[in-house]
Protein backbone atom coordinates (compact mmCIF):
# COMPACT_ATOMS: atom_id res chain seq x y z
CA MET A 1 -189.60 126.52 104.28
CA ASN A 2 -188.09 129.85 103.26
CA ILE A 3 -184.31 129.32 103.15
CA LEU A 4 -181.49 131.80 102.55
CA ILE A 5 -178.03 130.52 101.58
CA ALA A 6 -175.59 133.41 102.05
CA SER A 7 -172.04 133.79 100.66
CA ALA A 8 -173.00 131.20 98.06
CA THR A 9 -170.89 130.25 95.07
CA PRO A 10 -172.49 129.34 91.71
CA GLN A 11 -171.78 125.69 92.57
CA ASP A 12 -173.58 126.13 95.90
CA THR A 13 -176.60 127.55 94.10
CA VAL A 14 -176.86 124.56 91.76
CA PHE A 15 -176.46 122.07 94.61
CA PHE A 16 -178.89 123.58 97.10
CA ARG A 17 -181.65 124.25 94.58
CA GLU A 18 -181.47 120.59 93.57
CA ALA A 19 -181.07 119.21 97.11
CA LEU A 20 -183.83 121.35 98.63
CA GLN A 21 -186.56 120.97 96.07
CA GLY A 22 -189.97 121.76 97.54
CA HIS A 23 -188.58 124.65 99.59
CA HIS A 24 -188.17 128.30 98.65
CA VAL A 25 -184.39 128.65 98.32
CA THR A 26 -182.64 131.97 97.80
CA THR A 27 -178.89 132.15 97.32
CA ILE A 28 -176.85 135.34 97.56
CA ALA A 29 -173.14 135.84 96.98
CA GLU A 30 -172.86 138.50 99.68
CA GLU A 31 -173.12 138.35 103.45
CA PRO A 32 -176.60 138.26 105.02
CA SER A 33 -177.98 141.54 106.32
CA ALA A 34 -181.03 142.69 108.22
CA GLY A 35 -184.16 142.91 106.13
CA TRP A 36 -184.79 139.30 105.16
CA SER A 37 -188.06 139.39 107.08
CA GLU A 38 -189.53 136.15 105.71
CA VAL A 39 -186.45 133.93 106.01
CA GLU A 40 -187.02 130.96 108.33
CA ALA A 41 -183.65 129.22 107.89
CA LEU A 42 -180.27 130.80 107.19
CA ALA A 43 -177.07 129.02 106.13
CA VAL A 44 -173.76 130.91 106.43
CA VAL A 45 -170.05 130.20 106.18
CA HIS A 46 -167.66 130.66 109.09
CA GLY A 47 -166.21 134.13 109.49
CA ILE A 48 -169.41 135.91 108.49
CA PRO A 49 -170.54 137.66 111.69
CA LEU A 50 -174.18 137.26 112.66
CA SER A 51 -174.78 140.04 115.15
CA ALA A 52 -177.90 140.65 117.19
CA GLU A 53 -178.64 143.61 114.93
CA THR A 54 -178.53 141.44 111.80
CA LEU A 55 -180.61 138.68 113.36
CA ALA A 56 -183.17 141.15 114.69
CA GLY A 57 -183.93 142.05 111.08
CA MET A 58 -185.04 138.46 110.46
CA PRO A 59 -188.14 138.10 112.67
CA ALA A 60 -189.23 134.78 111.12
CA LEU A 61 -185.82 133.12 111.56
CA ARG A 62 -185.94 129.80 113.40
CA LEU A 63 -182.72 128.09 112.30
CA ILE A 64 -179.12 129.08 111.60
CA VAL A 65 -176.83 126.53 109.97
CA THR A 66 -173.17 127.44 110.00
CA ARG A 67 -171.33 125.60 107.25
CA SER A 68 -168.44 124.96 109.61
CA THR A 69 -167.59 123.32 112.89
CA GLY A 70 -166.89 126.60 114.72
CA PHE A 71 -169.81 128.87 115.60
CA ASP A 72 -168.05 131.73 117.41
CA HIS A 73 -169.18 134.17 114.67
CA ILE A 74 -172.81 133.90 115.78
CA ASP A 75 -174.30 135.98 118.60
CA ALA A 76 -175.25 132.92 120.63
CA ALA A 77 -176.81 134.88 123.48
CA TYR A 78 -179.23 136.61 121.12
CA ALA A 79 -180.04 133.35 119.32
CA ARG A 80 -180.79 131.69 122.67
CA GLU A 81 -182.99 134.61 123.72
CA ARG A 82 -184.94 134.41 120.47
CA GLY A 83 -185.19 130.62 120.54
CA ILE A 84 -183.33 130.33 117.25
CA ASN A 85 -181.79 126.89 116.74
CA VAL A 86 -178.09 126.93 115.76
CA CYS A 87 -176.59 123.89 114.04
CA ASN A 88 -173.14 123.17 112.64
CA VAL A 89 -171.27 120.71 110.44
CA PRO A 90 -169.16 118.86 113.03
CA GLU A 91 -167.31 116.53 110.69
CA TYR A 92 -166.30 117.37 107.16
CA GLY A 93 -162.58 117.93 107.02
CA SER A 94 -160.64 116.38 109.87
CA VAL A 95 -158.34 114.62 107.41
CA THR A 96 -158.49 117.57 105.00
CA VAL A 97 -157.25 120.08 107.58
CA ALA A 98 -154.69 117.66 108.99
CA GLU A 99 -153.25 117.08 105.52
CA PHE A 100 -152.97 120.81 104.90
CA THR A 101 -151.38 121.34 108.31
CA PHE A 102 -148.76 118.72 107.55
CA GLY A 103 -148.21 120.33 104.17
CA LEU A 104 -147.39 123.58 105.97
CA ILE A 105 -144.97 121.76 108.25
CA LEU A 106 -143.16 120.28 105.26
CA SER A 107 -143.16 123.65 103.51
CA LEU A 108 -141.70 125.41 106.54
CA LEU A 109 -138.90 122.98 107.28
CA ARG A 110 -137.96 122.26 103.67
CA ARG A 111 -138.44 125.88 102.47
CA ILE A 112 -140.52 124.68 99.53
CA PRO A 113 -142.36 127.98 98.80
CA GLN A 114 -139.08 129.91 98.80
CA ALA A 115 -137.52 127.38 96.43
CA VAL A 116 -140.47 127.58 94.04
CA ALA A 117 -140.48 131.38 94.11
CA SER A 118 -136.74 131.51 93.47
CA THR A 119 -136.97 129.15 90.52
CA LYS A 120 -139.93 131.03 89.02
CA SER A 121 -137.88 134.22 89.22
CA GLY A 122 -135.26 132.56 87.03
CA VAL A 123 -132.75 131.68 89.75
CA PHE A 124 -132.02 127.94 89.54
CA SER A 125 -129.87 127.66 92.66
CA ILE A 126 -130.05 125.97 96.05
CA SER A 127 -128.20 128.80 97.77
CA GLY A 128 -129.98 129.90 100.94
CA LEU A 129 -132.59 127.16 100.65
CA ILE A 130 -131.20 124.48 102.97
CA GLY A 131 -133.96 122.79 104.94
CA GLU A 132 -134.35 120.45 107.90
CA ASP A 133 -135.37 116.79 108.21
CA LEU A 134 -138.62 115.97 109.96
CA GLU A 135 -137.43 112.56 111.11
CA GLY A 136 -136.58 112.60 114.80
CA LYS A 137 -138.05 116.02 115.46
CA THR A 138 -140.77 116.53 118.08
CA LEU A 139 -144.20 117.69 116.99
CA GLY A 140 -146.30 119.21 119.75
CA ILE A 141 -150.02 119.15 118.97
CA VAL A 142 -152.31 121.47 120.93
CA GLY A 143 -155.81 119.98 120.73
CA LEU A 144 -156.44 116.27 120.31
CA GLY A 145 -159.72 116.29 118.48
CA LYS A 146 -160.14 114.50 115.17
CA ILE A 147 -157.81 116.90 113.34
CA GLY A 148 -155.11 116.61 115.99
CA ARG A 149 -155.31 112.83 116.05
CA ASN A 150 -155.09 112.60 112.26
CA LEU A 151 -152.10 114.94 112.28
CA ALA A 152 -150.39 112.74 114.87
CA LYS A 153 -150.77 109.69 112.60
CA MET A 154 -149.23 111.57 109.69
CA ALA A 155 -146.31 112.76 111.80
CA GLU A 156 -145.61 109.25 113.02
CA GLY A 157 -145.44 108.17 109.38
CA PHE A 158 -142.55 110.61 108.99
CA SER A 159 -140.84 109.19 112.10
CA MET A 160 -141.48 112.32 114.14
CA LYS A 161 -141.91 112.14 117.91
CA VAL A 162 -145.39 113.30 118.89
CA ILE A 163 -146.52 114.88 122.14
CA ALA A 164 -149.89 116.49 122.72
CA ASN A 165 -151.78 118.79 125.05
CA ASP A 166 -155.55 118.77 125.40
CA ALA A 167 -157.57 120.63 128.00
CA PHE A 168 -160.02 117.71 128.20
CA LYS A 169 -157.32 115.07 128.70
CA PRO A 170 -155.72 115.48 132.15
CA ASP A 171 -153.00 112.95 131.35
CA SER A 172 -151.79 114.84 128.25
CA THR A 173 -148.51 116.75 128.16
CA PRO A 174 -148.72 120.06 130.08
CA LEU A 175 -148.70 123.02 127.70
CA ASP A 176 -145.52 124.59 129.11
CA GLU A 177 -143.65 121.31 128.74
CA LEU A 178 -144.95 120.86 125.19
CA LEU A 179 -143.78 124.34 124.21
CA GLN A 180 -140.33 123.74 125.69
CA ARG A 181 -139.80 120.34 124.05
CA SER A 182 -141.33 120.78 120.61
CA ASP A 183 -139.51 121.53 117.37
CA VAL A 184 -142.87 122.23 115.72
CA VAL A 185 -146.01 123.35 117.56
CA ALA A 186 -149.27 122.77 115.67
CA LEU A 187 -152.46 124.39 116.93
CA CYS A 188 -155.55 122.23 116.40
CA CYS A 189 -157.75 123.51 119.24
CA PRO A 190 -161.08 125.37 119.08
CA LEU A 191 -161.39 129.06 119.94
CA THR A 192 -162.82 129.48 123.44
CA ASP A 193 -162.36 131.99 126.24
CA GLN A 194 -159.61 129.70 127.54
CA THR A 195 -157.73 129.39 124.22
CA ARG A 196 -157.94 133.03 123.10
CA HIS A 197 -154.30 134.24 122.99
CA LEU A 198 -153.17 130.87 124.30
CA ILE A 199 -150.00 131.60 122.34
CA ASN A 200 -148.79 134.93 123.66
CA ALA A 201 -145.52 136.62 124.59
CA ASP A 202 -145.04 134.40 127.64
CA SER A 203 -145.76 131.13 125.84
CA LEU A 204 -143.63 132.08 122.82
CA ALA A 205 -140.73 132.78 125.17
CA LYS A 206 -140.91 129.15 126.34
CA MET A 207 -140.38 127.79 122.81
CA LYS A 208 -136.99 126.95 121.32
CA PRO A 209 -135.51 129.67 119.07
CA SER A 210 -135.20 126.91 116.45
CA ALA A 211 -138.89 125.97 116.69
CA PHE A 212 -141.75 126.59 114.27
CA LEU A 213 -145.40 127.47 114.96
CA VAL A 214 -148.28 126.31 112.73
CA ASN A 215 -151.83 127.61 113.19
CA THR A 216 -154.71 126.07 111.25
CA ALA A 217 -157.13 126.40 114.18
CA ARG A 218 -158.49 129.92 114.75
CA GLY A 219 -156.62 133.21 114.40
CA PRO A 220 -157.23 134.61 117.90
CA VAL A 221 -155.60 131.56 119.50
CA VAL A 222 -152.35 133.41 118.67
CA ASP A 223 -151.52 136.95 119.80
CA SER A 224 -150.42 138.27 116.40
CA LEU A 225 -148.38 141.17 117.74
CA ALA A 226 -146.55 138.89 120.19
CA LEU A 227 -145.80 136.47 117.34
CA LEU A 228 -144.46 139.21 115.08
CA THR A 229 -142.28 140.51 117.91
CA ALA A 230 -140.91 137.01 118.63
CA LEU A 231 -140.05 136.49 114.97
CA GLU A 232 -138.34 139.86 114.66
CA ASN A 233 -136.35 139.20 117.83
CA GLY A 234 -135.21 135.76 116.69
CA GLN A 235 -137.17 133.97 119.43
CA LEU A 236 -138.76 131.69 116.82
CA ALA A 237 -137.48 130.19 113.57
CA GLY A 238 -140.72 130.62 111.64
CA ALA A 239 -144.48 130.29 111.47
CA ALA A 240 -147.17 129.09 109.08
CA LEU A 241 -150.56 130.74 109.49
CA ASP A 242 -153.73 129.72 107.69
CA VAL A 243 -155.74 131.81 110.16
CA ILE A 244 -154.99 135.21 111.71
CA GLU A 245 -156.59 137.66 114.10
CA GLY A 246 -158.80 140.13 112.27
CA GLU A 247 -158.74 138.06 109.10
CA GLU A 248 -162.23 139.21 108.05
CA ALA A 249 -161.04 142.80 107.66
CA PHE A 250 -157.70 141.72 106.21
CA ARG A 251 -159.46 139.60 103.58
CA THR A 252 -161.58 142.53 102.40
CA GLY A 253 -158.81 145.12 102.53
CA GLN A 254 -160.30 147.06 105.43
CA GLU A 255 -158.23 148.74 108.09
CA ASP A 256 -158.59 147.53 111.66
CA ALA A 257 -156.47 147.14 114.76
CA PHE A 258 -154.74 144.06 113.33
CA THR A 259 -154.18 145.13 109.74
CA THR A 260 -150.70 146.59 110.19
CA VAL A 261 -149.54 143.53 112.12
CA ASN A 262 -151.10 141.14 109.61
CA LYS A 263 -149.43 142.90 106.69
CA ALA A 264 -146.08 142.65 108.46
CA LEU A 265 -146.63 138.94 109.16
CA ALA A 266 -147.70 138.26 105.57
CA ILE A 267 -144.45 139.61 104.12
CA HIS A 268 -142.12 138.39 106.86
CA PRO A 269 -139.45 136.11 105.34
CA SER A 270 -139.97 133.48 108.06
CA VAL A 271 -143.75 133.33 107.69
CA LEU A 272 -145.97 131.35 105.34
CA MET A 273 -149.49 132.76 105.26
CA THR A 274 -152.47 131.24 103.46
CA PRO A 275 -156.06 132.60 103.26
CA HIS A 276 -157.93 130.23 105.63
CA LEU A 277 -158.18 127.38 103.14
CA ALA A 278 -157.07 124.33 105.11
CA PHE A 279 -160.64 123.00 104.88
CA ASP A 280 -161.02 123.81 101.21
CA SER A 281 -160.82 120.58 99.25
CA LYS A 282 -163.39 119.43 96.70
CA GLU A 283 -164.35 116.51 98.90
CA ALA A 284 -164.68 118.52 102.11
CA VAL A 285 -166.73 121.28 100.47
CA GLN A 286 -169.15 118.68 99.10
CA ARG A 287 -169.47 117.10 102.56
CA ILE A 288 -170.29 120.54 103.99
CA ARG A 289 -172.98 121.11 101.35
CA GLN A 290 -174.53 117.69 101.91
CA THR A 291 -174.64 117.99 105.71
CA THR A 292 -176.08 121.50 105.47
CA ALA A 293 -178.86 120.25 103.19
CA ASP A 294 -179.52 117.31 105.54
CA ILE A 295 -179.90 119.71 108.50
CA LEU A 296 -182.27 121.98 106.59
CA ARG A 297 -184.47 119.10 105.37
CA ALA A 298 -184.60 117.56 108.84
CA PHE A 299 -185.62 120.88 110.41
CA ALA A 300 -188.48 121.19 107.96
CA GLU A 301 -189.64 117.81 109.28
CA GLY A 302 -189.41 118.93 112.90
CA LYS A 303 -185.97 117.49 113.73
CA VAL A 304 -182.85 119.36 114.84
CA LEU A 305 -179.61 117.80 113.60
CA ASN A 306 -176.19 118.77 114.99
CA PRO A 307 -177.33 121.45 117.46
CA VAL A 308 -174.55 123.43 119.12
CA PRO A 309 -174.56 124.45 122.79
CA ILE A 310 -175.57 128.11 122.92
């Protein structure tokens, strides 16, 4: 099988050439583009858009493997029309992402990044760095998948009160009530038509002015401009964002509709922003590689592992 691994690191290249012996494997550091006419299977990372135009330039393509759980970056309608199978890696970092999310919560409430930055600048003082205990505070989790459930366990270990909202669990806490009661709101839900801008001006207005928002889900779940406005108006105490709207352009330094807002959020004193790395641990990355290789080998044998609904 003719396989293209796009956005590959040197470590990816070594792994996939070893794991996929017997197949023609090409690895490229850049994003895939039209023109790979002989490629039968394509593996990509999340955030790399696969448009109909790009896919049309790969007439032999029969399989796309996204090295992620989310697959909203793929033109699913075109893939369905072409009969291209789309598979994902459904489980690789539920603990990994939950750990990072809790790390952001600790960093927000205890002002750890500010303390480190102050000390590195030569100021060895606790002035202006007073934090807040987690014990007794209410954590509201939006999305009770594996990540959300793992986060809940961690929060309980810190004696936090946990409430949760999940669209697929009718008996969960209603979203409006969760927003009103929570001291910290953590977003762990997928990006769908229903969750796009789930956190907007109206929902932010329901939160306590002393509350914090943490997003390690998908950027468009939060209306970035509404969040910036709420922070500037004192409607929210702070936010930690591992994902943001328009992050693809922001990452590459391009200008788009969100760039000005994202720049303002990145430097806001009440915001911690990280570059979409909640999943990025040595163990999780290796699990992603292994599952991707398993999917590719299975497809060559006529089996489709981990298909996504397109």
